Amino acid sequence: MVTPPARGGWVILLSFLFALMLSALPMPELFVWARPEWVGLTLIYWALALPHRVGPWYGWVIGLLLDILQGSLLGIHAFSLALMAFIVIKLHRRMRMFPLPQQALLVLVLVGIHQILLQWAQELAGTGSDSLAFLLPALVSAVLWPWVFVVLRGLRRALGVR
């Protein structure tokens, strides 16, 4: 069976660039703890939709860019996003069969793992939080997952990304 050539790599890169911009937008102090993990959501979608194109290397590179952008400990976002992409690729056949609410629960777990790894690194650096508020982005990301999924799927289908 002949596989069609890959198309639309620029759409994938632009979606990650847009997610990085959303991650860098200033927010009111009240909502900083509830900022969704835009980069993580984008990575989960593309690793789920195109596991043969977007994988741990994408997570690693985008994570390094996010580390530089946020001024965090270099490599921690890279490691956790690469791990997230690896888990999604391992579960992508099963995850595709889930309805969106069930996928959102898996997104909650994946982003929660990401947040726990970030919190662990911040604790080692001495800048961690004492409360469980660091898990709030996982909850917000899970709530936003159905909309992110629908928007990125529509973009992928409209532009013929494969």
N, C-alpha and C. Protein backbone atom coordinates (compact mmCIF):
# COMPACT_ATOMS: atom_id res chain seq x y z
N MET A 1 0.84 -1.17 0.00
CA MET A 1 0.00 0.00 0.00
C MET A 1 0.89 1.25 0.00
N VAL A 2 0.60 2.17 -0.88
CA VAL A 2 1.39 3.38 -1.00
C VAL A 2 0.81 4.45 -0.08
N THR A 3 1.66 5.02 0.75
CA THR A 3 1.20 6.10 1.64
C THR A 3 1.33 7.43 0.91
N PRO A 4 0.35 8.29 1.08
CA PRO A 4 0.44 9.60 0.41
C PRO A 4 1.56 10.44 1.01
N PRO A 5 2.13 11.34 0.22
CA PRO A 5 3.22 12.18 0.76
C PRO A 5 2.70 13.10 1.86
N ALA A 6 3.59 13.41 2.78
CA ALA A 6 3.25 14.30 3.89
C ALA A 6 3.00 15.70 3.35
N ARG A 7 1.95 16.32 3.85
CA ARG A 7 1.61 17.68 3.44
C ARG A 7 1.24 18.49 4.67
N GLY A 8 1.44 19.80 4.56
CA GLY A 8 0.97 20.71 5.60
C GLY A 8 1.85 20.84 6.81
N GLY A 9 3.13 20.59 6.67
CA GLY A 9 4.03 20.75 7.82
C GLY A 9 4.03 22.16 8.36
N TRP A 10 3.79 23.13 7.49
CA TRP A 10 3.75 24.53 7.92
C TRP A 10 2.57 24.78 8.84
N VAL A 11 1.47 24.05 8.65
CA VAL A 11 0.29 24.22 9.52
C VAL A 11 0.63 23.74 10.93
N ILE A 12 1.33 22.62 11.01
CA ILE A 12 1.73 22.09 12.32
C ILE A 12 2.65 23.08 13.02
N LEU A 13 3.64 23.58 12.30
CA LEU A 13 4.57 24.54 12.90
C LEU A 13 3.87 25.83 13.32
N LEU A 14 2.96 26.33 12.49
CA LEU A 14 2.23 27.56 12.85
C LEU A 14 1.33 27.34 14.06
N SER A 15 0.74 26.15 14.17
CA SER A 15 -0.11 25.89 15.34
C SER A 15 0.74 25.86 16.62
N PHE A 16 1.95 25.30 16.54
CA PHE A 16 2.83 25.33 17.70
C PHE A 16 3.30 26.74 18.02
N LEU A 17 3.57 27.52 16.99
CA LEU A 17 3.96 28.91 17.19
C LEU A 17 2.83 29.70 17.87
N PHE A 18 1.60 29.46 17.42
CA PHE A 18 0.44 30.11 18.02
C PHE A 18 0.28 29.68 19.48
N ALA A 19 0.49 28.40 19.76
CA ALA A 19 0.40 27.91 21.14
C ALA A 19 1.48 28.53 22.01
N LEU A 20 2.69 28.69 21.47
CA LEU A 20 3.75 29.36 22.22
C LEU A 20 3.39 30.81 22.51
N MET A 21 2.77 31.48 21.53
CA MET A 21 2.34 32.87 21.75
C MET A 21 1.26 32.95 22.81
N LEU A 22 0.31 32.01 22.80
CA LEU A 22 -0.72 32.01 23.83
C LEU A 22 -0.14 31.76 25.21
N SER A 23 0.92 30.95 25.26
CA SER A 23 1.58 30.67 26.55
C SER A 23 2.32 31.89 27.09
N ALA A 24 2.71 32.79 26.19
CA ALA A 24 3.47 33.96 26.61
C ALA A 24 2.61 35.19 26.86
N LEU A 25 1.33 35.13 26.51
CA LEU A 25 0.46 36.29 26.72
C LEU A 25 0.35 36.64 28.20
N PRO A 26 0.44 37.91 28.52
CA PRO A 26 0.27 38.29 29.92
C PRO A 26 -1.19 38.10 30.35
N MET A 27 -1.35 37.70 31.60
CA MET A 27 -2.69 37.49 32.15
C MET A 27 -2.79 38.21 33.48
N PRO A 28 -4.02 38.52 33.90
CA PRO A 28 -4.18 39.10 35.23
C PRO A 28 -3.67 38.12 36.30
N GLU A 29 -3.18 38.67 37.37
CA GLU A 29 -2.58 37.87 38.43
C GLU A 29 -3.53 36.80 38.97
N LEU A 30 -4.83 37.11 38.95
CA LEU A 30 -5.83 36.17 39.46
C LEU A 30 -5.89 34.90 38.62
N PHE A 31 -5.63 35.01 37.31
CA PHE A 31 -5.81 33.88 36.40
C PHE A 31 -4.51 33.18 36.01
N VAL A 32 -3.37 33.63 36.52
CA VAL A 32 -2.10 33.04 36.13
C VAL A 32 -2.04 31.56 36.48
N TRP A 33 -2.57 31.17 37.61
CA TRP A 33 -2.53 29.76 38.02
C TRP A 33 -3.43 28.89 37.17
N ALA A 34 -4.40 29.49 36.49
CA ALA A 34 -5.35 28.71 35.70
C ALA A 34 -5.04 28.76 34.20
N ARG A 35 -3.85 29.20 33.82
CA ARG A 35 -3.48 29.27 32.39
C ARG A 35 -3.45 27.86 31.81
N PRO A 36 -4.20 27.63 30.72
CA PRO A 36 -4.16 26.31 30.10
C PRO A 36 -2.79 26.02 29.51
N GLU A 37 -2.47 24.77 29.38
CA GLU A 37 -1.21 24.34 28.76
C GLU A 37 -1.43 24.24 27.25
N TRP A 38 -1.37 25.39 26.58
CA TRP A 38 -1.66 25.46 25.15
C TRP A 38 -0.69 24.60 24.35
N VAL A 39 0.57 24.64 24.70
CA VAL A 39 1.57 23.85 23.96
C VAL A 39 1.31 22.36 24.16
N GLY A 40 1.00 21.97 25.37
CA GLY A 40 0.69 20.57 25.65
C GLY A 40 -0.54 20.09 24.91
N LEU A 41 -1.59 20.92 24.88
CA LEU A 41 -2.80 20.55 24.16
C LEU A 41 -2.54 20.40 22.66
N THR A 42 -1.74 21.32 22.11
CA THR A 42 -1.41 21.24 20.69
C THR A 42 -0.58 20.00 20.40
N LEU A 43 0.37 19.70 21.26
CA LEU A 43 1.19 18.52 21.08
C LEU A 43 0.35 17.24 21.18
N ILE A 44 -0.55 17.20 22.13
CA ILE A 44 -1.41 16.02 22.27
C ILE A 44 -2.24 15.83 21.00
N TYR A 45 -2.81 16.92 20.48
CA TYR A 45 -3.63 16.78 19.28
C TYR A 45 -2.82 16.25 18.10
N TRP A 46 -1.68 16.88 17.81
CA TRP A 46 -0.91 16.48 16.63
C TRP A 46 -0.31 15.09 16.80
N ALA A 47 0.10 14.71 18.00
CA ALA A 47 0.61 13.36 18.22
C ALA A 47 -0.51 12.33 18.09
N LEU A 48 -1.72 12.72 18.43
CA LEU A 48 -2.87 11.84 18.29
C LEU A 48 -3.31 11.73 16.84
N ALA A 49 -3.33 12.85 16.13
CA ALA A 49 -3.80 12.86 14.74
C ALA A 49 -2.75 12.34 13.76
N LEU A 50 -1.50 12.70 13.96
CA LEU A 50 -0.42 12.33 13.04
C LEU A 50 0.77 11.75 13.82
N PRO A 51 0.60 10.57 14.42
CA PRO A 51 1.70 10.02 15.23
C PRO A 51 2.95 9.70 14.44
N HIS A 52 2.83 9.53 13.15
CA HIS A 52 4.00 9.24 12.32
C HIS A 52 4.81 10.50 12.01
N ARG A 53 4.24 11.68 12.28
CA ARG A 53 4.95 12.94 12.00
C ARG A 53 5.32 13.72 13.25
N VAL A 54 4.46 13.71 14.24
CA VAL A 54 4.68 14.50 15.46
C VAL A 54 4.89 13.53 16.62
N GLY A 55 6.06 13.61 17.22
CA GLY A 55 6.38 12.68 18.30
C GLY A 55 7.23 13.33 19.37
N PRO A 56 7.98 12.51 20.08
CA PRO A 56 8.80 13.04 21.17
C PRO A 56 9.82 14.10 20.74
N TRP A 57 10.35 14.01 19.52
CA TRP A 57 11.30 15.04 19.08
C TRP A 57 10.63 16.39 18.96
N TYR A 58 9.40 16.41 18.46
CA TYR A 58 8.65 17.67 18.43
C TYR A 58 8.48 18.19 19.86
N GLY A 59 8.09 17.30 20.76
CA GLY A 59 7.92 17.71 22.16
C GLY A 59 9.20 18.26 22.75
N TRP A 60 10.32 17.63 22.42
CA TRP A 60 11.60 18.08 22.95
C TRP A 60 11.96 19.47 22.44
N VAL A 61 11.84 19.69 21.12
CA VAL A 61 12.22 20.98 20.53
C VAL A 61 11.28 22.08 21.00
N ILE A 62 9.98 21.82 20.96
CA ILE A 62 9.01 22.82 21.40
C ILE A 62 9.18 23.09 22.89
N GLY A 63 9.49 22.05 23.66
CA GLY A 63 9.73 22.22 25.09
C GLY A 63 10.95 23.09 25.37
N LEU A 64 12.01 22.91 24.59
CA LEU A 64 13.18 23.79 24.77
C LEU A 64 12.83 25.24 24.44
N LEU A 65 12.04 25.44 23.39
CA LEU A 65 11.59 26.80 23.07
C LEU A 65 10.75 27.38 24.20
N LEU A 66 9.90 26.56 24.78
CA LEU A 66 9.06 27.01 25.90
C LEU A 66 9.91 27.31 27.14
N ASP A 67 10.94 26.50 27.37
CA ASP A 67 11.86 26.78 28.48
C ASP A 67 12.53 28.13 28.30
N ILE A 68 12.99 28.40 27.09
CA ILE A 68 13.64 29.68 26.80
C ILE A 68 12.64 30.83 26.93
N LEU A 69 11.45 30.63 26.41
CA LEU A 69 10.42 31.66 26.43
C LEU A 69 10.00 32.02 27.85
N GLN A 70 9.87 31.02 28.70
CA GLN A 70 9.40 31.26 30.07
C GLN A 70 10.54 31.46 31.06
N GLY A 71 11.76 31.24 30.62
CA GLY A 71 12.90 31.40 31.52
C GLY A 71 12.93 30.36 32.62
N SER A 72 12.42 29.19 32.34
CA SER A 72 12.41 28.13 33.34
C SER A 72 13.68 27.30 33.25
N LEU A 73 13.80 26.34 34.12
CA LEU A 73 14.94 25.45 34.15
C LEU A 73 15.07 24.76 32.79
N LEU A 74 16.18 24.94 32.12
CA LEU A 74 16.35 24.47 30.75
C LEU A 74 16.25 22.95 30.67
N GLY A 75 15.31 22.49 29.89
CA GLY A 75 15.13 21.07 29.64
C GLY A 75 13.95 20.45 30.34
N ILE A 76 13.36 21.13 31.32
CA ILE A 76 12.26 20.49 32.05
C ILE A 76 10.99 20.42 31.22
N HIS A 77 10.65 21.50 30.51
CA HIS A 77 9.50 21.43 29.61
C HIS A 77 9.79 20.45 28.48
N ALA A 78 11.04 20.47 28.00
CA ALA A 78 11.42 19.57 26.91
C ALA A 78 11.22 18.12 27.32
N PHE A 79 11.68 17.76 28.51
CA PHE A 79 11.54 16.39 28.97
C PHE A 79 10.07 16.01 29.15
N SER A 80 9.31 16.88 29.81
CA SER A 80 7.93 16.51 30.11
C SER A 80 7.06 16.49 28.85
N LEU A 81 7.32 17.38 27.88
CA LEU A 81 6.55 17.35 26.64
C LEU A 81 6.94 16.17 25.77
N ALA A 82 8.22 15.80 25.78
CA ALA A 82 8.63 14.60 25.04
C ALA A 82 7.99 13.36 25.64
N LEU A 83 7.94 13.30 26.96
CA LEU A 83 7.27 12.18 27.63
C LEU A 83 5.79 12.16 27.30
N MET A 84 5.17 13.33 27.28
CA MET A 84 3.75 13.43 26.94
C MET A 84 3.50 12.91 25.53
N ALA A 85 4.33 13.32 24.57
CA ALA A 85 4.18 12.86 23.19
C ALA A 85 4.38 11.35 23.09
N PHE A 86 5.35 10.83 23.83
CA PHE A 86 5.60 9.38 23.82
C PHE A 86 4.37 8.62 24.32
N ILE A 87 3.78 9.07 25.41
CA ILE A 87 2.61 8.40 25.97
C ILE A 87 1.44 8.47 25.00
N VAL A 88 1.23 9.63 24.39
CA VAL A 88 0.12 9.77 23.44
C VAL A 88 0.32 8.84 22.25
N ILE A 89 1.53 8.75 21.74
CA ILE A 89 1.78 7.87 20.59
C ILE A 89 1.55 6.40 20.97
N LYS A 90 1.94 6.03 22.17
CA LYS A 90 1.72 4.65 22.61
C LYS A 90 0.22 4.35 22.78
N LEU A 91 -0.57 5.36 23.12
CA LEU A 91 -2.00 5.16 23.36
C LEU A 91 -2.88 5.68 22.22
N HIS A 92 -2.29 6.13 21.10
CA HIS A 92 -3.09 6.85 20.12
C HIS A 92 -4.21 6.01 19.50
N ARG A 93 -4.00 4.74 19.26
CA ARG A 93 -5.08 3.92 18.67
C ARG A 93 -6.25 3.78 19.63
N ARG A 94 -5.94 3.61 20.89
CA ARG A 94 -6.99 3.48 21.90
C ARG A 94 -7.67 4.83 22.14
N MET A 95 -6.85 5.88 22.21
CA MET A 95 -7.37 7.22 22.52
C MET A 95 -8.29 7.74 21.42
N ARG A 96 -8.00 7.39 20.18
CA ARG A 96 -8.85 7.83 19.07
C ARG A 96 -10.26 7.27 19.16
N MET A 97 -10.39 6.12 19.79
CA MET A 97 -11.71 5.48 19.91
C MET A 97 -12.56 6.10 21.03
N PHE A 98 -11.92 6.82 21.93
CA PHE A 98 -12.64 7.41 23.05
C PHE A 98 -13.47 8.60 22.58
N PRO A 99 -14.65 8.80 23.18
CA PRO A 99 -15.38 10.05 22.92
C PRO A 99 -14.62 11.22 23.56
N LEU A 100 -14.95 12.44 23.14
CA LEU A 100 -14.23 13.62 23.62
C LEU A 100 -14.20 13.78 25.14
N PRO A 101 -15.30 13.52 25.86
CA PRO A 101 -15.20 13.64 27.32
C PRO A 101 -14.19 12.66 27.94
N GLN A 102 -14.12 11.46 27.39
CA GLN A 102 -13.16 10.49 27.89
C GLN A 102 -11.73 10.88 27.50
N GLN A 103 -11.56 11.44 26.31
CA GLN A 103 -10.26 11.97 25.91
C GLN A 103 -9.84 13.10 26.84
N ALA A 104 -10.81 13.93 27.25
CA ALA A 104 -10.51 15.04 28.15
C ALA A 104 -9.98 14.53 29.49
N LEU A 105 -10.48 13.40 29.95
CA LEU A 105 -9.95 12.82 31.19
C LEU A 105 -8.51 12.37 31.01
N LEU A 106 -8.21 11.81 29.85
CA LEU A 106 -6.83 11.41 29.59
C LEU A 106 -5.93 12.64 29.46
N VAL A 107 -6.45 13.71 28.87
CA VAL A 107 -5.71 14.97 28.79
C VAL A 107 -5.44 15.51 30.19
N LEU A 108 -6.42 15.39 31.08
CA LEU A 108 -6.24 15.80 32.47
C LEU A 108 -5.06 15.05 33.09
N VAL A 109 -4.97 13.76 32.86
CA VAL A 109 -3.88 12.96 33.42
C VAL A 109 -2.54 13.36 32.79
N LEU A 110 -2.52 13.50 31.45
CA LEU A 110 -1.27 13.83 30.76
C LEU A 110 -0.74 15.21 31.17
N VAL A 111 -1.60 16.20 31.19
CA VAL A 111 -1.17 17.54 31.59
C VAL A 111 -0.86 17.56 33.09
N GLY A 112 -1.56 16.74 33.86
CA GLY A 112 -1.25 16.62 35.29
C GLY A 112 0.15 16.07 35.51
N ILE A 113 0.54 15.07 34.74
CA ILE A 113 1.90 14.53 34.82
C ILE A 113 2.91 15.61 34.45
N HIS A 114 2.59 16.36 33.40
CA HIS A 114 3.45 17.47 32.97
C HIS A 114 3.62 18.49 34.11
N GLN A 115 2.52 18.85 34.75
CA GLN A 115 2.57 19.84 35.83
C GLN A 115 3.32 19.29 37.05
N ILE A 116 3.16 18.02 37.35
CA ILE A 116 3.87 17.43 38.48
C ILE A 116 5.38 17.43 38.23
N LEU A 117 5.78 17.11 37.00
CA LEU A 117 7.22 17.16 36.67
C LEU A 117 7.76 18.58 36.77
N LEU A 118 6.98 19.56 36.30
CA LEU A 118 7.42 20.95 36.42
C LEU A 118 7.53 21.37 37.88
N GLN A 119 6.55 20.99 38.68
CA GLN A 119 6.56 21.33 40.10
C GLN A 119 7.75 20.67 40.81
N TRP A 120 8.04 19.44 40.45
CA TRP A 120 9.17 18.74 41.04
C TRP A 120 10.47 19.47 40.74
N ALA A 121 10.64 19.90 39.48
CA ALA A 121 11.86 20.64 39.11
C ALA A 121 11.93 21.98 39.83
N GLN A 122 10.78 22.64 39.99
CA GLN A 122 10.77 23.91 40.71
C GLN A 122 11.08 23.71 42.19
N GLU A 123 10.63 22.62 42.76
CA GLU A 123 10.95 22.32 44.15
C GLU A 123 12.46 22.09 44.32
N LEU A 124 13.06 21.40 43.35
CA LEU A 124 14.50 21.18 43.41
C LEU A 124 15.27 22.50 43.30
N ALA A 125 14.70 23.44 42.53
CA ALA A 125 15.34 24.74 42.37
C ALA A 125 14.99 25.69 43.52
N GLY A 126 14.06 25.29 44.38
CA GLY A 126 13.68 26.11 45.53
C GLY A 126 12.62 27.15 45.24
N THR A 127 11.90 27.03 44.13
CA THR A 127 10.87 28.00 43.79
C THR A 127 9.49 27.38 43.66
N GLY A 128 9.27 26.22 44.24
CA GLY A 128 8.01 25.51 44.11
C GLY A 128 6.90 26.10 44.95
N SER A 129 5.71 25.60 44.73
CA SER A 129 4.51 26.05 45.44
C SER A 129 4.19 25.06 46.56
N ASP A 130 3.54 25.57 47.61
CA ASP A 130 3.17 24.72 48.73
C ASP A 130 1.77 24.13 48.57
N SER A 131 0.99 24.64 47.64
CA SER A 131 -0.38 24.16 47.48
C SER A 131 -0.51 23.29 46.23
N LEU A 132 -1.67 22.73 46.06
CA LEU A 132 -1.96 21.93 44.88
C LEU A 132 -2.50 22.77 43.72
N ALA A 133 -2.39 24.08 43.83
CA ALA A 133 -2.88 24.96 42.77
C ALA A 133 -2.11 24.77 41.47
N PHE A 134 -0.92 24.18 41.55
CA PHE A 134 -0.16 23.95 40.32
C PHE A 134 -0.84 22.95 39.40
N LEU A 135 -1.81 22.19 39.90
CA LEU A 135 -2.56 21.24 39.06
C LEU A 135 -3.76 21.86 38.37
N LEU A 136 -4.06 23.11 38.67
CA LEU A 136 -5.21 23.79 38.06
C LEU A 136 -5.11 23.88 36.54
N PRO A 137 -3.94 24.13 35.95
CA PRO A 137 -3.87 24.13 34.48
C PRO A 137 -4.26 22.80 33.85
N ALA A 138 -4.05 21.70 34.55
CA ALA A 138 -4.47 20.40 34.02
C ALA A 138 -5.99 20.34 33.91
N LEU A 139 -6.67 20.84 34.93
CA LEU A 139 -8.13 20.85 34.90
C LEU A 139 -8.67 21.78 33.82
N VAL A 140 -8.10 22.96 33.71
CA VAL A 140 -8.54 23.93 32.68
C VAL A 140 -8.25 23.38 31.29
N SER A 141 -7.11 22.74 31.11
CA SER A 141 -6.77 22.16 29.81
C SER A 141 -7.73 21.04 29.44
N ALA A 142 -8.12 20.23 30.40
CA ALA A 142 -9.07 19.16 30.14
C ALA A 142 -10.44 19.71 29.74
N VAL A 143 -10.84 20.80 30.38
CA VAL A 143 -12.13 21.43 30.03
C VAL A 143 -12.07 22.01 28.62
N LEU A 144 -10.93 22.56 28.23
CA LEU A 144 -10.78 23.17 26.90
C LEU A 144 -10.49 22.15 25.80
N TRP A 145 -10.13 20.93 26.15
CA TRP A 145 -9.73 19.94 25.15
C TRP A 145 -10.76 19.74 24.03
N PRO A 146 -12.06 19.57 24.30
CA PRO A 146 -12.98 19.36 23.18
C PRO A 146 -12.94 20.49 22.15
N TRP A 147 -12.81 21.73 22.60
CA TRP A 147 -12.78 22.85 21.66
C TRP A 147 -11.46 22.88 20.89
N VAL A 148 -10.38 22.63 21.57
CA VAL A 148 -9.07 22.59 20.90
C VAL A 148 -9.06 21.47 19.87
N PHE A 149 -9.59 20.33 20.23
CA PHE A 149 -9.65 19.18 19.32
C PHE A 149 -10.46 19.52 18.07
N VAL A 150 -11.63 20.10 18.24
CA VAL A 150 -12.50 20.43 17.12
C VAL A 150 -11.86 21.48 16.21
N VAL A 151 -11.25 22.50 16.80
CA VAL A 151 -10.62 23.56 15.99
C VAL A 151 -9.43 23.01 15.20
N LEU A 152 -8.55 22.26 15.86
CA LEU A 152 -7.38 21.73 15.16
C LEU A 152 -7.75 20.65 14.14
N ARG A 153 -8.76 19.86 14.44
CA ARG A 153 -9.22 18.86 13.45
C ARG A 153 -9.81 19.54 12.23
N GLY A 154 -10.60 20.58 12.44
CA GLY A 154 -11.16 21.34 11.32
C GLY A 154 -10.06 21.99 10.47
N LEU A 155 -9.06 22.52 11.13
CA LEU A 155 -7.92 23.10 10.42
C LEU A 155 -7.16 22.04 9.62
N ARG A 156 -6.94 20.90 10.25
CA ARG A 156 -6.22 19.82 9.58
C ARG A 156 -6.99 19.32 8.37
N ARG A 157 -8.28 19.16 8.49
CA ARG A 157 -9.09 18.67 7.37
C ARG A 157 -9.23 19.71 6.27
N ALA A 158 -9.41 20.97 6.65
CA ALA A 158 -9.60 22.03 5.65
C ALA A 158 -8.33 22.26 4.83
N LEU A 159 -7.18 22.13 5.46
CA LEU A 159 -5.92 22.38 4.76
C LEU A 159 -5.24 21.12 4.25
N GLY A 160 -5.87 19.97 4.46
CA GLY A 160 -5.34 18.72 3.93
C GLY A 160 -4.02 18.28 4.54
N VAL A 161 -3.85 18.50 5.83
CA VAL A 161 -2.61 18.10 6.51
C VAL A 161 -2.65 16.60 6.72
N ARG A 162 -1.57 15.93 6.29
CA ARG A 162 -1.48 14.48 6.52
C ARG A 162 -0.06 14.06 6.76
